[in-house]
Amino acid sequence: MAIFDDEPKKKARPHEIGQDLSLLSVGDLSERIGILRDEIARLETELKAKDNTKSAAEALFRRG
């Protein structure tokens, strides 16, 4: 038994920007595109939420 068995294993990254894509299958590429589209949607949602918060704060301080 190894000493470090309790250490969490690192997850493989599903996609790395700039990575060599030539060894990936069509299915792998399609899967990665889906993952990236989901991540873009998540980022856009967060950006919109932060923009709404910023707009509300600006409106509040303009009143004063």
PDB file of N, CA and C in Angstrom:
ATOM      1  N   MET A   1       0.836  -1.184   0.000  1.00  0.00           N
ATOM      2  CA  MET A   1       0.000   0.000   0.000  1.00  0.00           C
ATOM      3  C   MET A   1       0.883   1.250   0.000  1.00  0.00           C
ATOM      4  N   ALA A   2       0.554   2.176  -0.831  1.00  0.00           N
ATOM      5  CA  ALA A   2       1.352   3.391  -0.945  1.00  0.00           C
ATOM      6  C   ALA A   2       1.006   4.358   0.178  1.00  0.00           C
ATOM      7  N   ILE A   3       1.929   5.221   0.484  1.00  0.00           N
ATOM      8  CA  ILE A   3       1.748   6.202   1.555  1.00  0.00           C
ATOM      9  C   ILE A   3       0.687   7.237   1.175  1.00  0.00           C
ATOM     10  N   PHE A   4       0.602   7.579  -0.088  1.00  0.00           N
ATOM     11  CA  PHE A   4      -0.245   8.682  -0.528  1.00  0.00           C
ATOM     12  C   PHE A   4      -1.551   8.231  -1.167  1.00  0.00           C
ATOM     13  N   ASP A   5      -2.104   7.099  -0.781  1.00  0.00           N
ATOM     14  CA  ASP A   5      -3.362   6.604  -1.351  1.00  0.00           C
ATOM     15  C   ASP A   5      -4.540   7.536  -1.088  1.00  0.00           C
ATOM     16  N   ASP A   6      -4.485   8.289  -0.007  1.00  0.00           N
ATOM     17  CA  ASP A   6      -5.611   9.147   0.355  1.00  0.00           C
ATOM     18  C   ASP A   6      -5.642  10.461  -0.404  1.00  0.00           C
ATOM     19  N   GLU A   7      -4.599  10.764  -1.157  1.00  0.00           N
ATOM     20  CA  GLU A   7      -4.579  12.005  -1.918  1.00  0.00           C
ATOM     21  C   GLU A   7      -5.594  11.949  -3.046  1.00  0.00           C
ATOM     22  N   PRO A   8      -6.348  13.042  -3.226  1.00  0.00           N
ATOM     23  CA  PRO A   8      -7.314  13.051  -4.328  1.00  0.00           C
ATOM     24  C   PRO A   8      -6.603  12.985  -5.670  1.00  0.00           C
ATOM     25  N   LYS A   9      -7.189  12.258  -6.586  1.00  0.00           N
ATOM     26  CA  LYS A   9      -6.622  12.157  -7.928  1.00  0.00           C
ATOM     27  C   LYS A   9      -7.079  13.350  -8.749  1.00  0.00           C
ATOM     28  N   LYS A  10      -6.172  13.873  -9.549  1.00  0.00           N
ATOM     29  CA  LYS A  10      -6.516  15.001 -10.403  1.00  0.00           C
ATOM     30  C   LYS A  10      -7.361  14.509 -11.562  1.00  0.00           C
ATOM     31  N   LYS A  11      -8.418  15.268 -11.862  1.00  0.00           N
ATOM     32  CA  LYS A  11      -9.260  14.943 -13.011  1.00  0.00           C
ATOM     33  C   LYS A  11      -8.561  15.401 -14.283  1.00  0.00           C
ATOM     34  N   ALA A  12      -8.716  14.616 -15.318  1.00  0.00           N
ATOM     35  CA  ALA A  12      -8.181  15.025 -16.611  1.00  0.00           C
ATOM     36  C   ALA A  12      -9.006  16.207 -17.108  1.00  0.00           C
ATOM     37  N   ARG A  13      -8.324  17.200 -17.639  1.00  0.00           N
ATOM     38  CA  ARG A  13      -9.049  18.359 -18.165  1.00  0.00           C
ATOM     39  C   ARG A  13      -9.726  17.959 -19.461  1.00  0.00           C
ATOM     40  N   PRO A  14     -10.993  18.299 -19.613  1.00  0.00           N
ATOM     41  CA  PRO A  14     -11.691  17.907 -20.840  1.00  0.00           C
ATOM     42  C   PRO A  14     -11.170  18.608 -22.081  1.00  0.00           C
ATOM     43  N   HIS A  15     -10.647  19.805 -21.894  1.00  0.00           N
ATOM     44  CA  HIS A  15     -10.099  20.525 -23.041  1.00  0.00           C
ATOM     45  C   HIS A  15      -9.116  21.555 -22.537  1.00  0.00           C
ATOM     46  N   GLU A  16      -8.040  21.704 -23.266  1.00  0.00           N
ATOM     47  CA  GLU A  16      -7.046  22.715 -22.935  1.00  0.00           C
ATOM     48  C   GLU A  16      -6.859  23.599 -24.159  1.00  0.00           C
ATOM     49  N   ILE A  17      -6.959  24.889 -23.961  1.00  0.00           N
ATOM     50  CA  ILE A  17      -6.806  25.835 -25.054  1.00  0.00           C
ATOM     51  C   ILE A  17      -5.418  25.659 -25.684  1.00  0.00           C
ATOM     52  N   GLY A  18      -5.374  25.555 -26.995  1.00  0.00           N
ATOM     53  CA  GLY A  18      -4.125  25.422 -27.720  1.00  0.00           C
ATOM     54  C   GLY A  18      -3.628  23.990 -27.852  1.00  0.00           C
ATOM     55  N   GLN A  19      -4.371  23.056 -27.333  1.00  0.00           N
ATOM     56  CA  GLN A  19      -3.983  21.652 -27.358  1.00  0.00           C
ATOM     57  C   GLN A  19      -3.986  21.110 -28.785  1.00  0.00           C
ATOM     58  N   ASP A  20      -3.115  20.133 -29.060  1.00  0.00           N
ATOM     59  CA  ASP A  20      -3.058  19.485 -30.371  1.00  0.00           C
ATOM     60  C   ASP A  20      -4.334  18.670 -30.567  1.00  0.00           C
ATOM     61  N   LEU A  21      -5.090  18.999 -31.578  1.00  0.00           N
ATOM     62  CA  LEU A  21      -6.372  18.339 -31.829  1.00  0.00           C
ATOM     63  C   LEU A  21      -6.275  17.209 -32.841  1.00  0.00           C
ATOM     64  N   SER A  22      -5.130  17.027 -33.442  1.00  0.00           N
ATOM     65  CA  SER A  22      -4.995  16.067 -34.535  1.00  0.00           C
ATOM     66  C   SER A  22      -5.219  14.616 -34.103  1.00  0.00           C
ATOM     67  N   LEU A  23      -5.035  14.316 -32.842  1.00  0.00           N
ATOM     68  CA  LEU A  23      -5.204  12.941 -32.371  1.00  0.00           C
ATOM     69  C   LEU A  23      -6.611  12.634 -31.872  1.00  0.00           C
ATOM     70  N   LEU A  24      -7.483  13.624 -31.889  1.00  0.00           N
ATOM     71  CA  LEU A  24      -8.848  13.430 -31.394  1.00  0.00           C
ATOM     72  C   LEU A  24      -9.767  12.941 -32.502  1.00  0.00           C
ATOM     73  N   SER A  25     -10.702  12.091 -32.107  1.00  0.00           N
ATOM     74  CA  SER A  25     -11.683  11.585 -33.070  1.00  0.00           C
ATOM     75  C   SER A  25     -12.773  12.633 -33.300  1.00  0.00           C
ATOM     76  N   VAL A  26     -13.594  12.386 -34.301  1.00  0.00           N
ATOM     77  CA  VAL A  26     -14.722  13.284 -34.582  1.00  0.00           C
ATOM     78  C   VAL A  26     -15.643  13.346 -33.372  1.00  0.00           C
ATOM     79  N   GLY A  27     -15.873  12.201 -32.748  1.00  0.00           N
ATOM     80  CA  GLY A  27     -16.726  12.163 -31.548  1.00  0.00           C
ATOM     81  C   GLY A  27     -16.132  12.968 -30.403  1.00  0.00           C
ATOM     82  N   ASP A  28     -14.815  12.837 -30.204  1.00  0.00           N
ATOM     83  CA  ASP A  28     -14.142  13.605 -29.161  1.00  0.00           C
ATOM     84  C   ASP A  28     -14.249  15.099 -29.426  1.00  0.00           C
ATOM     85  N   LEU A  29     -14.048  15.475 -30.677  1.00  0.00           N
ATOM     86  CA  LEU A  29     -14.146  16.890 -31.035  1.00  0.00           C
ATOM     87  C   LEU A  29     -15.560  17.416 -30.814  1.00  0.00           C
ATOM     88  N   SER A  30     -16.556  16.645 -31.211  1.00  0.00           N
ATOM     89  CA  SER A  30     -17.947  17.055 -31.011  1.00  0.00           C
ATOM     90  C   SER A  30     -18.268  17.188 -29.523  1.00  0.00           C
ATOM     91  N   GLU A  31     -17.755  16.259 -28.723  1.00  0.00           N
ATOM     92  CA  GLU A  31     -17.981  16.312 -27.277  1.00  0.00           C
ATOM     93  C   GLU A  31     -17.347  17.563 -26.679  1.00  0.00           C
ATOM     94  N   ARG A  32     -16.145  17.864 -27.106  1.00  0.00           N
ATOM     95  CA  ARG A  32     -15.451  19.051 -26.589  1.00  0.00           C
ATOM     96  C   ARG A  32     -16.155  20.332 -27.008  1.00  0.00           C
ATOM     97  N   ILE A  33     -16.682  20.360 -28.223  1.00  0.00           N
ATOM     98  CA  ILE A  33     -17.437  21.530 -28.673  1.00  0.00           C
ATOM     99  C   ILE A  33     -18.650  21.731 -27.770  1.00  0.00           C
ATOM    100  N   GLY A  34     -19.336  20.651 -27.449  1.00  0.00           N
ATOM    101  CA  GLY A  34     -20.488  20.740 -26.547  1.00  0.00           C
ATOM    102  C   GLY A  34     -20.099  21.245 -25.173  1.00  0.00           C
ATOM    103  N   ILE A  35     -18.993  20.736 -24.637  1.00  0.00           N
ATOM    104  CA  ILE A  35     -18.502  21.180 -23.333  1.00  0.00           C
ATOM    105  C   ILE A  35     -18.184  22.671 -23.366  1.00  0.00           C
ATOM    106  N   LEU A  36     -17.506  23.100 -24.424  1.00  0.00           N
ATOM    107  CA  LEU A  36     -17.136  24.508 -24.530  1.00  0.00           C
ATOM    108  C   LEU A  36     -18.354  25.403 -24.724  1.00  0.00           C
ATOM    109  N   ARG A  37     -19.337  24.948 -25.479  1.00  0.00           N
ATOM    110  CA  ARG A  37     -20.569  25.740 -25.648  1.00  0.00           C
ATOM    111  C   ARG A  37     -21.291  25.894 -24.312  1.00  0.00           C
ATOM    112  N   ASP A  38     -21.354  24.809 -23.539  1.00  0.00           N
ATOM    113  CA  ASP A  38     -21.974  24.881 -22.212  1.00  0.00           C
ATOM    114  C   ASP A  38     -21.221  25.855 -21.314  1.00  0.00           C
ATOM    115  N   GLU A  39     -19.900  25.825 -21.398  1.00  0.00           N
ATOM    116  CA  GLU A  39     -19.088  26.728 -20.574  1.00  0.00           C
ATOM    117  C   GLU A  39     -19.268  28.176 -21.011  1.00  0.00           C
ATOM    118  N   ILE A  40     -19.372  28.417 -22.307  1.00  0.00           N
ATOM    119  CA  ILE A  40     -19.619  29.771 -22.806  1.00  0.00           C
ATOM    120  C   ILE A  40     -20.964  30.276 -22.295  1.00  0.00           C
ATOM    121  N   ALA A  41     -21.977  29.433 -22.332  1.00  0.00           N
ATOM    122  CA  ALA A  41     -23.303  29.822 -21.833  1.00  0.00           C
ATOM    123  C   ALA A  41     -23.232  30.154 -20.342  1.00  0.00           C
ATOM    124  N   ARG A  42     -22.486  29.354 -19.592  1.00  0.00           N
ATOM    125  CA  ARG A  42     -22.329  29.597 -18.156  1.00  0.00           C
ATOM    126  C   ARG A  42     -21.623  30.925 -17.910  1.00  0.00           C
ATOM    127  N   LEU A  43     -20.584  31.208 -18.684  1.00  0.00           N
ATOM    128  CA  LEU A  43     -19.855  32.467 -18.554  1.00  0.00           C
ATOM    129  C   LEU A  43     -20.729  33.662 -18.922  1.00  0.00           C
ATOM    130  N   GLU A  44     -21.516  33.518 -19.980  1.00  0.00           N
ATOM    131  CA  GLU A  44     -22.397  34.610 -20.403  1.00  0.00           C
ATOM    132  C   GLU A  44     -23.473  34.892 -19.360  1.00  0.00           C
ATOM    133  N   THR A  45     -23.986  33.841 -18.725  1.00  0.00           N
ATOM    134  CA  THR A  45     -24.977  34.011 -17.667  1.00  0.00           C
ATOM    135  C   THR A  45     -24.384  34.778 -16.497  1.00  0.00           C
ATOM    136  N   GLU A  46     -23.177  34.422 -16.102  1.00  0.00           N
ATOM    137  CA  GLU A  46     -22.506  35.113 -14.997  1.00  0.00           C
ATOM    138  C   GLU A  46     -22.193  36.561 -15.367  1.00  0.00           C
ATOM    139  N   LEU A  47     -21.754  36.780 -16.592  1.00  0.00           N
ATOM    140  CA  LEU A  47     -21.470  38.132 -17.054  1.00  0.00           C
ATOM    141  C   LEU A  47     -22.731  38.996 -17.011  1.00  0.00           C
ATOM    142  N   LYS A  48     -23.839  38.446 -17.457  1.00  0.00           N
ATOM    143  CA  LYS A  48     -25.109  39.182 -17.452  1.00  0.00           C
ATOM    144  C   LYS A  48     -25.532  39.512 -16.022  1.00  0.00           C
ATOM    145  N   ALA A  49     -25.366  38.547 -15.111  1.00  0.00           N
ATOM    146  CA  ALA A  49     -25.728  38.780 -13.711  1.00  0.00           C
ATOM    147  C   ALA A  49     -24.874  39.895 -13.112  1.00  0.00           C
ATOM    148  N   LYS A  50     -23.591  39.876 -13.404  1.00  0.00           N
ATOM    149  CA  LYS A  50     -22.700  40.916 -12.879  1.00  0.00           C
ATOM    150  C   LYS A  50     -23.013  42.273 -13.504  1.00  0.00           C
ATOM    151  N   ASP A  51     -23.357  42.277 -14.767  1.00  0.00           N
ATOM    152  CA  ASP A  51     -23.710  43.527 -15.438  1.00  0.00           C
ATOM    153  C   ASP A  51     -24.988  44.099 -14.841  1.00  0.00           C
ATOM    154  N   ASN A  52     -25.958  43.239 -14.540  1.00  0.00           N
ATOM    155  CA  ASN A  52     -27.206  43.696 -13.919  1.00  0.00           C
ATOM    156  C   ASN A  52     -26.942  44.284 -12.539  1.00  0.00           C
ATOM    157  N   THR A  53     -26.062  43.645 -11.778  1.00  0.00           N
ATOM    158  CA  THR A  53     -25.708  44.140 -10.454  1.00  0.00           C
ATOM    159  C   THR A  53     -25.014  45.497 -10.565  1.00  0.00           C
ATOM    160  N   LYS A  54     -24.113  45.608 -11.517  1.00  0.00           N
ATOM    161  CA  LYS A  54     -23.391  46.870 -11.720  1.00  0.00           C
ATOM    162  C   LYS A  54     -24.362  47.976 -12.120  1.00  0.00           C
ATOM    163  N   SER A  55     -25.299  47.665 -13.009  1.00  0.00           N
ATOM    164  CA  SER A  55     -26.274  48.665 -13.455  1.00  0.00           C
ATOM    165  C   SER A  55     -27.157  49.122 -12.294  1.00  0.00           C
ATOM    166  N   ALA A  56     -27.554  48.184 -11.453  1.00  0.00           N
ATOM    167  CA  ALA A  56     -28.385  48.529 -10.298  1.00  0.00           C
ATOM    168  C   ALA A  56     -27.607  49.416  -9.328  1.00  0.00           C
ATOM    169  N   ALA A  57     -26.349  49.106  -9.110  1.00  0.00           N
ATOM    170  CA  ALA A  57     -25.524  49.916  -8.205  1.00  0.00           C
ATOM    171  C   ALA A  57     -25.323  51.318  -8.776  1.00  0.00           C
ATOM    172  N   GLU A  58     -25.069  51.410 -10.059  1.00  0.00           N
ATOM    173  CA  GLU A  58     -24.889  52.718 -10.682  1.00  0.00           C
ATOM    174  C   GLU A  58     -26.160  53.548 -10.586  1.00  0.00           C
ATOM    175  N   ALA A  59     -27.302  52.911 -10.778  1.00  0.00           N
ATOM    176  CA  ALA A  59     -28.572  53.629 -10.684  1.00  0.00           C
ATOM    177  C   ALA A  59     -28.808  54.115  -9.262  1.00  0.00           C
ATOM    178  N   LEU A  60     -28.451  53.307  -8.279  1.00  0.00           N
ATOM    179  CA  LEU A  60     -28.626  53.683  -6.883  1.00  0.00           C
ATOM    180  C   LEU A  60     -27.757  54.880  -6.533  1.00  0.00           C
ATOM    181  N   PHE A  61     -26.519  54.893  -6.975  1.00  0.00           N
ATOM    182  CA  PHE A  61     -25.615  55.990  -6.631  1.00  0.00           C
ATOM    183  C   PHE A  61     -25.906  57.263  -7.421  1.00  0.00           C
ATOM    184  N   ARG A  62     -26.563  57.132  -8.575  1.00  0.00           N
ATOM    185  CA  ARG A  62     -26.933  58.331  -9.349  1.00  0.00           C
ATOM    186  C   ARG A  62     -28.039  59.102  -8.638  1.00  0.00           C
ATOM    187  N   ARG A  63     -28.866  58.410  -7.889  1.00  0.00           N
ATOM    188  CA  ARG A  63     -29.990  59.070  -7.184  1.00  0.00           C
ATOM    189  C   ARG A  63     -29.492  59.994  -6.079  1.00  0.00           C
ATOM    190  N   GLY A  64     -28.366  59.624  -5.473  1.00  0.00           N
ATOM    191  CA  GLY A  64     -27.865  60.356  -4.295  1.00  0.00           C
ATOM    192  C   GLY A  64     -27.178  61.584  -4.633  1.00  0.00           C
TER     193      GLY A  64
END
